[in-house]
């Protein structure tokens, strides 16, 4: 479980860096890259969370460090899910989606105006 948690943490950190790059460039191609890396990061964290659930179901004595790691993995899974949802809302919203508002060109044209 520790190995999967470390891998998920590294991929999650890369996902955050890609999210910052998307925020600075704010283009549809950077949105696609940030969203795809966020999904991969969430999937690896979900795998680590599955191992957490298995450890809890098996029972037995678990030390405080292991319980703390389980709590951090659970919190990380929830926060990464929120991140994935927010990125995908940006993909499907016409204000922030591909082209960022260029989907309705007639709003910006003033026909017949001097």
PDB file of N, CA and C in Angstrom:
ATOM      1  N   UNK A   1       0.827  -1.188   0.000  1.00  0.00           N
ATOM      2  CA  UNK A   1       0.000   0.000   0.000  1.00  0.00           C
ATOM      3  C   UNK A   1       0.869   1.247   0.000  1.00  0.00           C
ATOM      4  N   UNK A   2       1.984   1.195   0.684  1.00  0.00           N
ATOM      5  CA  UNK A   2       2.868   2.350   0.742  1.00  0.00           C
ATOM      6  C   UNK A   2       3.424   2.678  -0.638  1.00  0.00           C
ATOM      7  N   UNK A   3       3.760   1.655  -1.399  1.00  0.00           N
ATOM      8  CA  UNK A   3       4.309   1.877  -2.736  1.00  0.00           C
ATOM      9  C   UNK A   3       3.270   2.559  -3.632  1.00  0.00           C
ATOM     10  N   UNK A   4       2.029   2.070  -3.599  1.00  0.00           N
ATOM     11  CA  UNK A   4       0.977   2.683  -4.415  1.00  0.00           C
ATOM     12  C   UNK A   4       0.678   4.107  -3.949  1.00  0.00           C
ATOM     13  N   UNK A   5       0.772   4.342  -2.647  1.00  0.00           N
ATOM     14  CA  UNK A   5       0.544   5.697  -2.133  1.00  0.00           C
ATOM     15  C   UNK A   5       1.638   6.649  -2.604  1.00  0.00           C
ATOM     16  N   UNK A   6       2.880   6.182  -2.626  1.00  0.00           N
ATOM     17  CA  UNK A   6       3.973   7.028  -3.106  1.00  0.00           C
ATOM     18  C   UNK A   6       3.848   7.306  -4.601  1.00  0.00           C
ATOM     19  N   UNK A   7       3.503   6.288  -5.367  1.00  0.00           N
ATOM     20  CA  UNK A   7       3.324   6.487  -6.808  1.00  0.00           C
ATOM     21  C   UNK A   7       2.163   7.452  -7.069  1.00  0.00           C
ATOM     22  N   UNK A   8       1.067   7.277  -6.337  1.00  0.00           N
ATOM     23  CA  UNK A   8      -0.084   8.176  -6.501  1.00  0.00           C
ATOM     24  C   UNK A   8       0.277   9.603  -6.104  1.00  0.00           C
ATOM     25  N   UNK A   9       1.097   9.762  -5.087  1.00  0.00           N
ATOM     26  CA  UNK A   9       1.514  11.101  -4.676  1.00  0.00           C
ATOM     27  C   UNK A   9       2.368  11.792  -5.722  1.00  0.00           C
ATOM     28  N   UNK A  10       3.275  11.060  -6.332  1.00  0.00           N
ATOM     29  CA  UNK A  10       4.134  11.645  -7.368  1.00  0.00           C
ATOM     30  C   UNK A  10       3.313  12.011  -8.604  1.00  0.00           C
ATOM     31  N   UNK A  11       2.434  11.121  -9.024  1.00  0.00           N
ATOM     32  CA  UNK A  11       1.595  11.424 -10.188  1.00  0.00           C
ATOM     33  C   UNK A  11       0.641  12.575  -9.867  1.00  0.00           C
ATOM     34  N   UNK A  12       0.142  12.629  -8.628  1.00  0.00           N
ATOM     35  CA  UNK A  12      -0.713  13.741  -8.217  1.00  0.00           C
ATOM     36  C   UNK A  12       0.019  15.071  -8.237  1.00  0.00           C
ATOM     37  N   UNK A  13       1.285  15.066  -7.816  1.00  0.00           N
ATOM     38  CA  UNK A  13       2.073  16.298  -7.859  1.00  0.00           C
ATOM     39  C   UNK A  13       2.306  16.743  -9.300  1.00  0.00           C
ATOM     40  N   UNK A  14       2.553  15.795 -10.195  1.00  0.00           N
ATOM     41  CA  UNK A  14       2.700  16.139 -11.617  1.00  0.00           C
ATOM     42  C   UNK A  14       1.392  16.685 -12.185  1.00  0.00           C
ATOM     43  N   UNK A  15       0.280  16.135 -11.717  1.00  0.00           N
ATOM     44  CA  UNK A  15      -1.023  16.610 -12.164  1.00  0.00           C
ATOM     45  C   UNK A  15      -1.259  18.059 -11.716  1.00  0.00           C
ATOM     46  N   UNK A  16      -0.843  18.370 -10.508  1.00  0.00           N
ATOM     47  CA  UNK A  16      -0.992  19.751 -10.017  1.00  0.00           C
ATOM     48  C   UNK A  16      -0.116  20.695 -10.825  1.00  0.00           C
ATOM     49  N   UNK A  17       1.112  20.278 -11.148  1.00  0.00           N
ATOM     50  CA  UNK A  17       1.978  21.128 -11.960  1.00  0.00           C
ATOM     51  C   UNK A  17       1.383  21.354 -13.348  1.00  0.00           C
ATOM     52  N   UNK A  18       0.805  20.319 -13.913  1.00  0.00           N
ATOM     53  CA  UNK A  18       0.150  20.474 -15.210  1.00  0.00           C
ATOM     54  C   UNK A  18      -1.078  21.369 -15.102  1.00  0.00           C
ATOM     55  N   UNK A  19      -1.786  21.303 -13.976  1.00  0.00           N
ATOM     56  CA  UNK A  19      -2.915  22.196 -13.753  1.00  0.00           C
ATOM     57  C   UNK A  19      -2.489  23.653 -13.656  1.00  0.00           C
ATOM     58  N   UNK A  20      -1.339  23.902 -13.043  1.00  0.00           N
ATOM     59  CA  UNK A  20      -0.811  25.269 -12.959  1.00  0.00           C
ATOM     60  C   UNK A  20      -0.418  25.770 -14.341  1.00  0.00           C
ATOM     61  N   UNK A  21       0.203  24.905 -15.143  1.00  0.00           N
ATOM     62  CA  UNK A  21       0.550  25.285 -16.511  1.00  0.00           C
ATOM     63  C   UNK A  21      -0.716  25.610 -17.312  1.00  0.00           C
ATOM     64  N   UNK A  22      -1.764  24.812 -17.107  1.00  0.00           N
ATOM     65  CA  UNK A  22      -3.030  25.102 -17.808  1.00  0.00           C
ATOM     66  C   UNK A  22      -3.603  26.437 -17.351  1.00  0.00           C
ATOM     67  N   UNK A  23      -3.522  26.711 -16.067  1.00  0.00           N
ATOM     68  CA  UNK A  23      -4.055  27.975 -15.550  1.00  0.00           C
ATOM     69  C   UNK A  23      -3.297  29.158 -16.146  1.00  0.00           C
ATOM     70  N   UNK A  24      -1.996  29.011 -16.328  1.00  0.00           N
ATOM     71  CA  UNK A  24      -1.206  30.113 -16.869  1.00  0.00           C
ATOM     72  C   UNK A  24      -1.397  30.293 -18.366  1.00  0.00           C
ATOM     73  N   UNK A  25      -1.569  29.191 -19.100  1.00  0.00           N
ATOM     74  CA  UNK A  25      -1.737  29.315 -20.555  1.00  0.00           C
ATOM     75  C   UNK A  25      -3.198  29.456 -20.957  1.00  0.00           C
ATOM     76  N   UNK A  26      -4.091  28.746 -20.266  1.00  0.00           N
ATOM     77  CA  UNK A  26      -5.550  28.817 -20.437  1.00  0.00           C
ATOM     78  C   UNK A  26      -5.979  28.575 -21.876  1.00  0.00           C
ATOM     79  N   UNK A  27      -5.534  27.437 -22.422  1.00  0.00           N
ATOM     80  CA  UNK A  27      -5.919  27.032 -23.769  1.00  0.00           C
ATOM     81  C   UNK A  27      -6.582  25.668 -23.692  1.00  0.00           C
ATOM     82  N   UNK A  28      -7.304  25.316 -24.757  1.00  0.00           N
ATOM     83  CA  UNK A  28      -8.029  24.042 -24.743  1.00  0.00           C
ATOM     84  C   UNK A  28      -7.094  22.848 -24.810  1.00  0.00           C
ATOM     85  N   UNK A  29      -5.932  22.993 -25.456  1.00  0.00           N
ATOM     86  CA  UNK A  29      -5.013  21.855 -25.505  1.00  0.00           C
ATOM     87  C   UNK A  29      -4.367  21.612 -24.141  1.00  0.00           C
ATOM     88  N   UNK A  30      -4.101  22.656 -23.381  1.00  0.00           N
ATOM     89  CA  UNK A  30      -3.565  22.447 -22.039  1.00  0.00           C
ATOM     90  C   UNK A  30      -4.648  21.909 -21.096  1.00  0.00           C
ATOM     91  N   UNK A  31      -5.911  22.235 -21.366  1.00  0.00           N
ATOM     92  CA  UNK A  31      -7.008  21.678 -20.580  1.00  0.00           C
ATOM     93  C   UNK A  31      -7.109  20.172 -20.787  1.00  0.00           C
ATOM     94  N   UNK A  32      -6.939  19.726 -22.027  1.00  0.00           N
ATOM     95  CA  UNK A  32      -6.995  18.292 -22.302  1.00  0.00           C
ATOM     96  C   UNK A  32      -5.851  17.555 -21.620  1.00  0.00           C
ATOM     97  N   UNK A  33      -4.671  18.139 -21.628  1.00  0.00           N
ATOM     98  CA  UNK A  33      -3.531  17.498 -20.979  1.00  0.00           C
ATOM     99  C   UNK A  33      -3.727  17.439 -19.464  1.00  0.00           C
ATOM    100  N   UNK A  34      -4.215  18.530 -18.892  1.00  0.00           N
ATOM    101  CA  UNK A  34      -4.434  18.560 -17.442  1.00  0.00           C
ATOM    102  C   UNK A  34      -5.521  17.581 -17.029  1.00  0.00           C
ATOM    103  N   UNK A  35      -6.578  17.486 -17.814  1.00  0.00           N
ATOM    104  CA  UNK A  35      -7.672  16.579 -17.478  1.00  0.00           C
ATOM    105  C   UNK A  35      -7.254  15.117 -17.598  1.00  0.00           C
ATOM    106  N   UNK A  36      -6.484  14.783 -18.620  1.00  0.00           N
ATOM    107  CA  UNK A  36      -6.072  13.389 -18.784  1.00  0.00           C
ATOM    108  C   UNK A  36      -5.100  12.968 -17.695  1.00  0.00           C
ATOM    109  N   UNK A  37      -4.175  13.835 -17.319  1.00  0.00           N
ATOM    110  CA  UNK A  37      -3.251  13.499 -16.246  1.00  0.00           C
ATOM    111  C   UNK A  37      -3.971  13.431 -14.901  1.00  0.00           C
ATOM    112  N   UNK A  38      -4.993  14.256 -14.719  1.00  0.00           N
ATOM    113  CA  UNK A  38      -5.775  14.202 -13.480  1.00  0.00           C
ATOM    114  C   UNK A  38      -6.539  12.886 -13.372  1.00  0.00           C
ATOM    115  N   UNK A  39      -7.060  12.375 -14.486  1.00  0.00           N
ATOM    116  CA  UNK A  39      -7.766  11.091 -14.461  1.00  0.00           C
ATOM    117  C   UNK A  39      -6.812   9.951 -14.140  1.00  0.00           C
ATOM    118  N   UNK A  40      -5.618   9.978 -14.722  1.00  0.00           N
ATOM    119  CA  UNK A  40      -4.623   8.942 -14.422  1.00  0.00           C
ATOM    120  C   UNK A  40      -4.235   8.995 -12.955  1.00  0.00           C
ATOM    121  N   UNK A  41      -4.027  10.190 -12.447  1.00  0.00           N
ATOM    122  CA  UNK A  41      -3.667  10.348 -11.037  1.00  0.00           C
ATOM    123  C   UNK A  41      -4.775   9.849 -10.123  1.00  0.00           C
ATOM    124  N   UNK A  42      -6.016  10.159 -10.477  1.00  0.00           N
ATOM    125  CA  UNK A  42      -7.132   9.691  -9.656  1.00  0.00           C
ATOM    126  C   UNK A  42      -7.253   8.176  -9.702  1.00  0.00           C
ATOM    127  N   UNK A  43      -6.988   7.577 -10.854  1.00  0.00           N
ATOM    128  CA  UNK A  43      -7.086   6.122 -10.979  1.00  0.00           C
ATOM    129  C   UNK A  43      -6.040   5.415 -10.124  1.00  0.00           C
ATOM    130  N   UNK A  44      -4.829   5.930 -10.099  1.00  0.00           N
ATOM    131  CA  UNK A  44      -3.783   5.316  -9.268  1.00  0.00           C
ATOM    132  C   UNK A  44      -4.117   5.509  -7.790  1.00  0.00           C
ATOM    133  N   UNK A  45      -4.650   6.662  -7.442  1.00  0.00           N
ATOM    134  CA  UNK A  45      -5.052   6.889  -6.048  1.00  0.00           C
ATOM    135  C   UNK A  45      -6.224   5.988  -5.674  1.00  0.00           C
ATOM    136  N   UNK A  46      -7.125   5.738  -6.614  1.00  0.00           N
ATOM    137  CA  UNK A  46      -8.237   4.815  -6.347  1.00  0.00           C
ATOM    138  C   UNK A  46      -7.719   3.398  -6.132  1.00  0.00           C
ATOM    139  N   UNK A  47      -6.669   3.029  -6.836  1.00  0.00           N
ATOM    140  CA  UNK A  47      -6.057   1.721  -6.607  1.00  0.00           C
ATOM    141  C   UNK A  47      -5.477   1.637  -5.194  1.00  0.00           C
ATOM    142  N   UNK A  48      -4.792   2.688  -4.762  1.00  0.00           N
ATOM    143  CA  UNK A  48      -4.266   2.713  -3.392  1.00  0.00           C
ATOM    144  C   UNK A  48      -5.401   2.703  -2.374  1.00  0.00           C
ATOM    145  N   UNK A  49      -6.518   3.378  -2.698  1.00  0.00           N
ATOM    146  CA  UNK A  49      -7.672   3.382  -1.803  1.00  0.00           C
ATOM    147  C   UNK A  49      -8.298   2.001  -1.709  1.00  0.00           C
ATOM    148  N   UNK A  50      -8.268   1.250  -2.798  1.00  0.00           N
ATOM    149  CA  UNK A  50      -8.747  -0.128  -2.766  1.00  0.00           C
ATOM    150  C   UNK A  50      -7.927  -0.980  -1.820  1.00  0.00           C
ATOM    151  N   UNK A  51      -6.631  -0.756  -1.797  1.00  0.00           N
ATOM    152  CA  UNK A  51      -5.787  -1.469  -0.843  1.00  0.00           C
ATOM    153  C   UNK A  51      -6.075  -1.043   0.591  1.00  0.00           C
ATOM    154  N   UNK A  52      -6.413   0.238   0.774  1.00  0.00           N
ATOM    155  CA  UNK A  52      -6.808   0.720   2.107  1.00  0.00           C
ATOM    156  C   UNK A  52      -8.068  -0.007   2.568  1.00  0.00           C
ATOM    157  N   UNK A  53      -9.041  -0.105   1.681  1.00  0.00           N
ATOM    158  CA  UNK A  53     -10.286  -0.804   2.038  1.00  0.00           C
ATOM    159  C   UNK A  53     -10.016  -2.265   2.366  1.00  0.00           C
ATOM    160  N   UNK A  54      -9.121  -2.889   1.627  1.00  0.00           N
ATOM    161  CA  UNK A  54      -8.786  -4.281   1.892  1.00  0.00           C
ATOM    162  C   UNK A  54      -8.143  -4.425   3.272  1.00  0.00           C
ATOM    163  N   UNK A  55      -7.248  -3.498   3.621  1.00  0.00           N
ATOM    164  CA  UNK A  55      -6.600  -3.545   4.943  1.00  0.00           C
ATOM    165  C   UNK A  55      -7.627  -3.368   6.059  1.00  0.00           C
ATOM    166  N   UNK A  56      -8.582  -2.478   5.849  1.00  0.00           N
ATOM    167  CA  UNK A  56      -9.592  -2.224   6.881  1.00  0.00           C
ATOM    168  C   UNK A  56     -10.509  -3.435   7.033  1.00  0.00           C
ATOM    169  N   UNK A  57     -10.909  -4.041   5.908  1.00  0.00           N
ATOM    170  CA  UNK A  57     -11.802  -5.196   5.967  1.00  0.00           C
ATOM    171  C   UNK A  57     -11.119  -6.399   6.618  1.00  0.00           C
ATOM    172  N   UNK A  58      -9.827  -6.586   6.326  1.00  0.00           N
ATOM    173  CA  UNK A  58      -9.108  -7.704   6.925  1.00  0.00           C
ATOM    174  C   UNK A  58      -9.014  -7.581   8.442  1.00  0.00           C
ATOM    175  N   UNK A  59      -8.993  -6.345   8.924  1.00  0.00           N
ATOM    176  CA  UNK A  59      -8.956  -6.117  10.365  1.00  0.00           C
ATOM    177  C   UNK A  59      -7.576  -6.376  10.938  1.00  0.00           C
ATOM    178  N   UNK A  60      -7.549  -6.723  12.201  1.00  0.00           N
ATOM    179  CA  UNK A  60      -6.275  -6.943  12.862  1.00  0.00           C
ATOM    180  C   UNK A  60      -5.721  -5.641  13.403  1.00  0.00           C
ATOM    181  N   UNK A  61      -4.561  -5.755  14.002  1.00  0.00           N
ATOM    182  CA  UNK A  61      -3.936  -4.562  14.591  1.00  0.00           C
ATOM    183  C   UNK A  61      -3.191  -3.791  13.517  1.00  0.00           C
ATOM    184  N   UNK A  62      -3.553  -2.533  13.364  1.00  0.00           N
ATOM    185  CA  UNK A  62      -2.853  -1.625  12.459  1.00  0.00           C
ATOM    186  C   UNK A  62      -2.294  -0.501  13.303  1.00  0.00           C
ATOM    187  N   UNK A  63      -1.044  -0.177  13.072  1.00  0.00           N
ATOM    188  CA  UNK A  63      -0.393   0.878  13.832  1.00  0.00           C
ATOM    189  C   UNK A  63      -0.944   2.250  13.483  1.00  0.00           C
ATOM    190  N   UNK A  64      -0.544   3.221  14.297  1.00  0.00           N
ATOM    191  CA  UNK A  64      -0.999   4.608  14.080  1.00  0.00           C
ATOM    192  C   UNK A  64      -0.486   5.158  12.756  1.00  0.00           C
ATOM    193  N   UNK A  65       0.720   4.786  12.366  1.00  0.00           N
ATOM    194  CA  UNK A  65       1.265   5.288  11.106  1.00  0.00           C
ATOM    195  C   UNK A  65       0.466   4.763   9.919  1.00  0.00           C
ATOM    196  N   UNK A  66       0.090   3.505   9.973  1.00  0.00           N
ATOM    197  CA  UNK A  66      -0.706   2.929   8.895  1.00  0.00           C
ATOM    198  C   UNK A  66      -2.103   3.545   8.848  1.00  0.00           C
ATOM    199  N   UNK A  67      -2.691   3.797   9.986  1.00  0.00           N
ATOM    200  CA  UNK A  67      -4.001   4.450  10.020  1.00  0.00           C
ATOM    201  C   UNK A  67      -3.913   5.877   9.492  1.00  0.00           C
ATOM    202  N   UNK A  68      -2.818   6.561   9.787  1.00  0.00           N
ATOM    203  CA  UNK A  68      -2.620   7.917   9.272  1.00  0.00           C
ATOM    204  C   UNK A  68      -2.464   7.894   7.754  1.00  0.00           C
ATOM    205  N   UNK A  69      -1.695   6.928   7.248  1.00  0.00           N
ATOM    206  CA  UNK A  69      -1.535   6.794   5.799  1.00  0.00           C
ATOM    207  C   UNK A  69      -2.871   6.493   5.125  1.00  0.00           C
ATOM    208  N   UNK A  70      -3.676   5.649   5.743  1.00  0.00           N
ATOM    209  CA  UNK A  70      -4.996   5.350   5.199  1.00  0.00           C
ATOM    210  C   UNK A  70      -5.873   6.595   5.148  1.00  0.00           C
ATOM    211  N   UNK A  71      -5.791   7.412   6.181  1.00  0.00           N
ATOM    212  CA  UNK A  71      -6.573   8.653   6.198  1.00  0.00           C
ATOM    213  C   UNK A  71      -6.108   9.614   5.108  1.00  0.00           C
ATOM    214  N   UNK A  72      -4.797   9.725   4.924  1.00  0.00           N
ATOM    215  CA  UNK A  72      -4.271  10.618   3.882  1.00  0.00           C
ATOM    216  C   UNK A  72      -4.657  10.135   2.481  1.00  0.00           C
ATOM    217  N   UNK A  73      -4.654   8.836   2.270  1.00  0.00           N
ATOM    218  CA  UNK A  73      -5.057   8.308   0.956  1.00  0.00           C
ATOM    219  C   UNK A  73      -6.533   8.596   0.701  1.00  0.00           C
ATOM    220  N   UNK A  74      -7.360   8.456   1.727  1.00  0.00           N
ATOM    221  CA  UNK A  74      -8.787   8.739   1.572  1.00  0.00           C
ATOM    222  C   UNK A  74      -9.024  10.215   1.263  1.00  0.00           C
ATOM    223  N   UNK A  75      -8.344  11.099   1.961  1.00  0.00           N
ATOM    224  CA  UNK A  75      -8.477  12.537   1.712  1.00  0.00           C
ATOM    225  C   UNK A  75      -7.966  12.891   0.324  1.00  0.00           C
ATOM    226  N   UNK A  76      -6.863  12.274  -0.075  1.00  0.00           N
ATOM    227  CA  UNK A  76      -6.300  12.526  -1.399  1.00  0.00           C
ATOM    228  C   UNK A  76      -7.240  12.069  -2.504  1.00  0.00           C
ATOM    229  N   UNK A  77      -7.895  10.923  -2.304  1.00  0.00           N
ATOM    230  CA  UNK A  77      -8.844  10.433  -3.300  1.00  0.00           C
ATOM    231  C   UNK A  77     -10.002  11.411  -3.465  1.00  0.00           C
ATOM    232  N   UNK A  78     -10.528  11.915  -2.366  1.00  0.00           N
ATOM    233  CA  UNK A  78     -11.654  12.856  -2.435  1.00  0.00           C
ATOM    234  C   UNK A  78     -11.246  14.171  -3.089  1.00  0.00           C
ATOM    235  N   UNK A  79     -10.066  14.688  -2.747  1.00  0.00           N
ATOM    236  CA  UNK A  79      -9.642  15.967  -3.326  1.00  0.00           C
ATOM    237  C   UNK A  79      -9.303  15.821  -4.802  1.00  0.00           C
ATOM    238  N   UNK A  80      -8.738  14.689  -5.200  1.00  0.00           N
ATOM    239  CA  UNK A  80      -8.447  14.492  -6.619  1.00  0.00           C
ATOM    240  C   UNK A  80      -9.721  14.285  -7.428  1.00  0.00           C
ATOM    241  N   UNK A  81     -10.721  13.663  -6.836  1.00  0.00           N
ATOM    242  CA  UNK A  81     -12.004  13.532  -7.525  1.00  0.00           C
ATOM    243  C   UNK A  81     -12.627  14.908  -7.755  1.00  0.00           C
ATOM    244  N   UNK A  82     -12.543  15.781  -6.765  1.00  0.00           N
ATOM    245  CA  UNK A  82     -13.042  17.145  -6.925  1.00  0.00           C
ATOM    246  C   UNK A  82     -12.281  17.879  -8.029  1.00  0.00           C
ATOM    247  N   UNK A  83     -10.964  17.678  -8.095  1.00  0.00           N
ATOM    248  CA  UNK A  83     -10.134  18.295  -9.127  1.00  0.00           C
ATOM    249  C   UNK A  83     -10.530  17.809 -10.526  1.00  0.00           C
ATOM    250  N   UNK A  84     -10.762  16.508 -10.663  1.00  0.00           N
ATOM    251  CA  UNK A  84     -11.173  15.947 -11.955  1.00  0.00           C
ATOM    252  C   UNK A  84     -12.539  16.500 -12.365  1.00  0.00           C
ATOM    253  N   UNK A  85     -13.448  16.579 -11.417  1.00  0.00           N
ATOM    254  CA  UNK A  85     -14.784  17.108 -11.718  1.00  0.00           C
ATOM    255  C   UNK A  85     -14.701  18.567 -12.162  1.00  0.00           C
ATOM    256  N   UNK A  86     -13.900  19.364 -11.476  1.00  0.00           N
ATOM    257  CA  UNK A  86     -13.780  20.779 -11.849  1.00  0.00           C
ATOM    258  C   UNK A  86     -13.138  20.951 -13.222  1.00  0.00           C
ATOM    259  N   UNK A  87     -12.156  20.121 -13.548  1.00  0.00           N
ATOM    260  CA  UNK A  87     -11.561  20.214 -14.886  1.00  0.00           C
ATOM    261  C   UNK A  87     -12.558  19.821 -15.965  1.00  0.00           C
ATOM    262  N   UNK A  88     -13.370  18.814 -15.703  1.00  0.00           N
ATOM    263  CA  UNK A  88     -14.328  18.401 -16.710  1.00  0.00           C
ATOM    264  C   UNK A  88     -15.504  19.368 -16.824  1.00  0.00           C
ATOM    265  N   UNK A  89     -15.828  20.067 -15.766  1.00  0.00           N
ATOM    266  CA  UNK A  89     -16.824  21.136 -15.880  1.00  0.00           C
ATOM    267  C   UNK A  89     -16.286  22.212 -16.807  1.00  0.00           C
ATOM    268  N   UNK A  90     -14.989  22.485 -16.719  1.00  0.00           N
ATOM    269  CA  UNK A  90     -14.370  23.453 -17.621  1.00  0.00           C
ATOM    270  C   UNK A  90     -14.385  23.000 -19.061  1.00  0.00           C
ATOM    271  N   UNK A  91     -14.353  21.685 -19.291  1.00  0.00           N
ATOM    272  CA  UNK A  91     -14.382  21.188 -20.668  1.00  0.00           C
ATOM    273  C   UNK A  91     -15.769  21.313 -21.282  1.00  0.00           C
ATOM    274  N   UNK A  92     -16.820  21.160 -20.481  1.00  0.00           N
ATOM    275  CA  UNK A  92     -18.170  21.140 -21.022  1.00  0.00           C
ATOM    276  C   UNK A  92     -18.897  22.474 -20.890  1.00  0.00           C
ATOM    277  N   UNK A  93     -18.350  23.431 -20.188  1.00  0.00           N
ATOM    278  CA  UNK A  93     -18.957  24.737 -20.066  1.00  0.00           C
ATOM    279  C   UNK A  93     -18.533  25.581 -21.265  1.00  0.00           C
ATOM    280  N   UNK A  94     -19.467  26.240 -21.908  1.00  0.00           N
ATOM    281  CA  UNK A  94     -19.126  27.007 -23.107  1.00  0.00           C
ATOM    282  C   UNK A  94     -18.265  28.220 -22.777  1.00  0.00           C
ATOM    283  N   UNK A  95     -18.328  28.685 -21.555  1.00  0.00           N
ATOM    284  CA  UNK A  95     -17.516  29.847 -21.191  1.00  0.00           C
ATOM    285  C   UNK A  95     -16.039  29.474 -21.050  1.00  0.00           C
ATOM    286  N   UNK A  96     -15.769  28.275 -20.544  1.00  0.00           N
ATOM    287  CA  UNK A  96     -14.392  27.868 -20.308  1.00  0.00           C
ATOM    288  C   UNK A  96     -13.967  26.675 -21.154  1.00  0.00           C
ATOM    289  N   UNK A  97     -14.807  26.211 -22.034  1.00  0.00           N
ATOM    290  CA  UNK A  97     -14.527  25.019 -22.806  1.00  0.00           C
ATOM    291  C   UNK A  97     -13.595  25.285 -23.972  1.00  0.00           C
ATOM    292  N   UNK A  98     -13.531  24.352 -24.913  1.00  0.00           N
ATOM    293  CA  UNK A  98     -12.646  24.500 -26.058  1.00  0.00           C
ATOM    294  C   UNK A  98     -12.950  25.768 -26.844  1.00  0.00           C
ATOM    295  N   UNK A  99     -11.950  26.564 -27.056  1.00  0.00           N
ATOM    296  CA  UNK A  99     -12.111  27.821 -27.761  1.00  0.00           C
ATOM    297  C   UNK A  99     -12.412  28.976 -26.825  1.00  0.00           C
ATOM    298  N   UNK A 100     -12.872  28.664 -25.622  1.00  0.00           N
ATOM    299  CA  UNK A 100     -13.157  29.650 -24.585  1.00  0.00           C
ATOM    300  C   UNK A 100     -14.012  30.794 -25.082  1.00  0.00           C
ATOM    301  N   UNK A 101     -15.209  30.475 -25.466  1.00  0.00           N
ATOM    302  CA  UNK A 101     -16.170  31.499 -25.853  1.00  0.00           C
ATOM    303  C   UNK A 101     -16.268  31.718 -27.348  1.00  0.00           C
ATOM    304  N   UNK A 102     -15.399  31.073 -28.122  1.00  0.00           N
ATOM    305  CA  UNK A 102     -15.462  31.276 -29.568  1.00  0.00           C
ATOM    306  C   UNK A 102     -16.514  30.393 -30.222  1.00  0.00           C
ATOM    307  N   UNK A 103     -17.249  29.625 -29.434  1.00  0.00           N
ATOM    308  CA  UNK A 103     -18.268  28.749 -29.979  1.00  0.00           C
ATOM    309  C   UNK A 103     -19.486  29.505 -30.487  1.00  0.00           C
ATOM    310  N   UNK A 104     -19.658  30.759 -30.101  1.00  0.00           N
ATOM    311  CA  UNK A 104     -20.775  31.576 -30.543  1.00  0.00           C
ATOM    312  C   UNK A 104     -20.230  32.875 -31.130  1.00  0.00           C
ATOM    313  N   UNK A 105     -19.766  32.846 -32.380  1.00  0.00           N
ATOM    314  CA  UNK A 105     -19.123  34.033 -32.949  1.00  0.00           C
ATOM    315  C   UNK A 105     -20.097  35.163 -33.228  1.00  0.00           C
ATOM    316  N   UNK A 106     -21.397  34.866 -33.315  1.00  0.00           N
ATOM    317  CA  UNK A 106     -22.350  35.923 -33.640  1.00  0.00           C
ATOM    318  C   UNK A 106     -22.533  36.908 -32.487  1.00  0.00           C
ATOM    319  N   UNK A 107     -22.158  36.542 -31.285  1.00  0.00           N
ATOM    320  CA  UNK A 107     -22.303  37.471 -30.175  1.00  0.00           C
ATOM    321  C   UNK A 107     -21.297  38.616 -30.252  1.00  0.00           C
ATOM    322  N   UNK A 108     -20.176  38.361 -30.900  1.00  0.00           N
ATOM    323  CA  UNK A 108     -19.126  39.377 -30.931  1.00  0.00           C
ATOM    324  C   UNK A 108     -19.179  40.212 -32.214  1.00  0.00           C
ATOM    325  N   UNK A 109     -19.993  39.831 -33.162  1.00  0.00           N
ATOM    326  CA  UNK A 109     -20.088  40.557 -34.416  1.00  0.00           C
ATOM    327  C   UNK A 109     -21.207  41.607 -34.307  1.00  0.00           C
ATOM    328  N   UNK A 110     -20.937  42.758 -34.795  1.00  0.00           N
ATOM    329  CA  UNK A 110     -21.930  43.835 -34.797  1.00  0.00           C
ATOM    330  C   UNK A 110     -22.259  44.159 -36.257  1.00  0.00           C
ATOM    331  N   UNK A 111     -23.239  43.446 -36.792  1.00  0.00           N
ATOM    332  CA  UNK A 111     -23.615  43.652 -38.170  1.00  0.00           C
ATOM    333  C   UNK A 111     -24.396  44.954 -38.317  1.00  0.00           C
ATOM    334  N   UNK A 112     -23.990  45.751 -39.237  1.00  0.00           N
ATOM    335  CA  UNK A 112     -24.686  46.989 -39.515  1.00  0.00           C
ATOM    336  C   UNK A 112     -24.272  48.129 -38.607  1.00  0.00           C
ATOM    337  N   UNK A 113     -23.377  47.894 -37.686  1.00  0.00           N
ATOM    338  CA  UNK A 113     -22.902  48.969 -36.806  1.00  0.00           C
ATOM    339  C   UNK A 113     -21.726  49.665 -37.446  1.00  0.00           C
ATOM    340  N   UNK A 114     -21.615  50.967 -37.268  1.00  0.00           N
ATOM    341  CA  UNK A 114     -20.460  51.690 -37.859  1.00  0.00           C
ATOM    342  C   UNK A 114     -19.188  51.385 -37.129  1.00  0.00           C
TER     343      UNK A 114
END
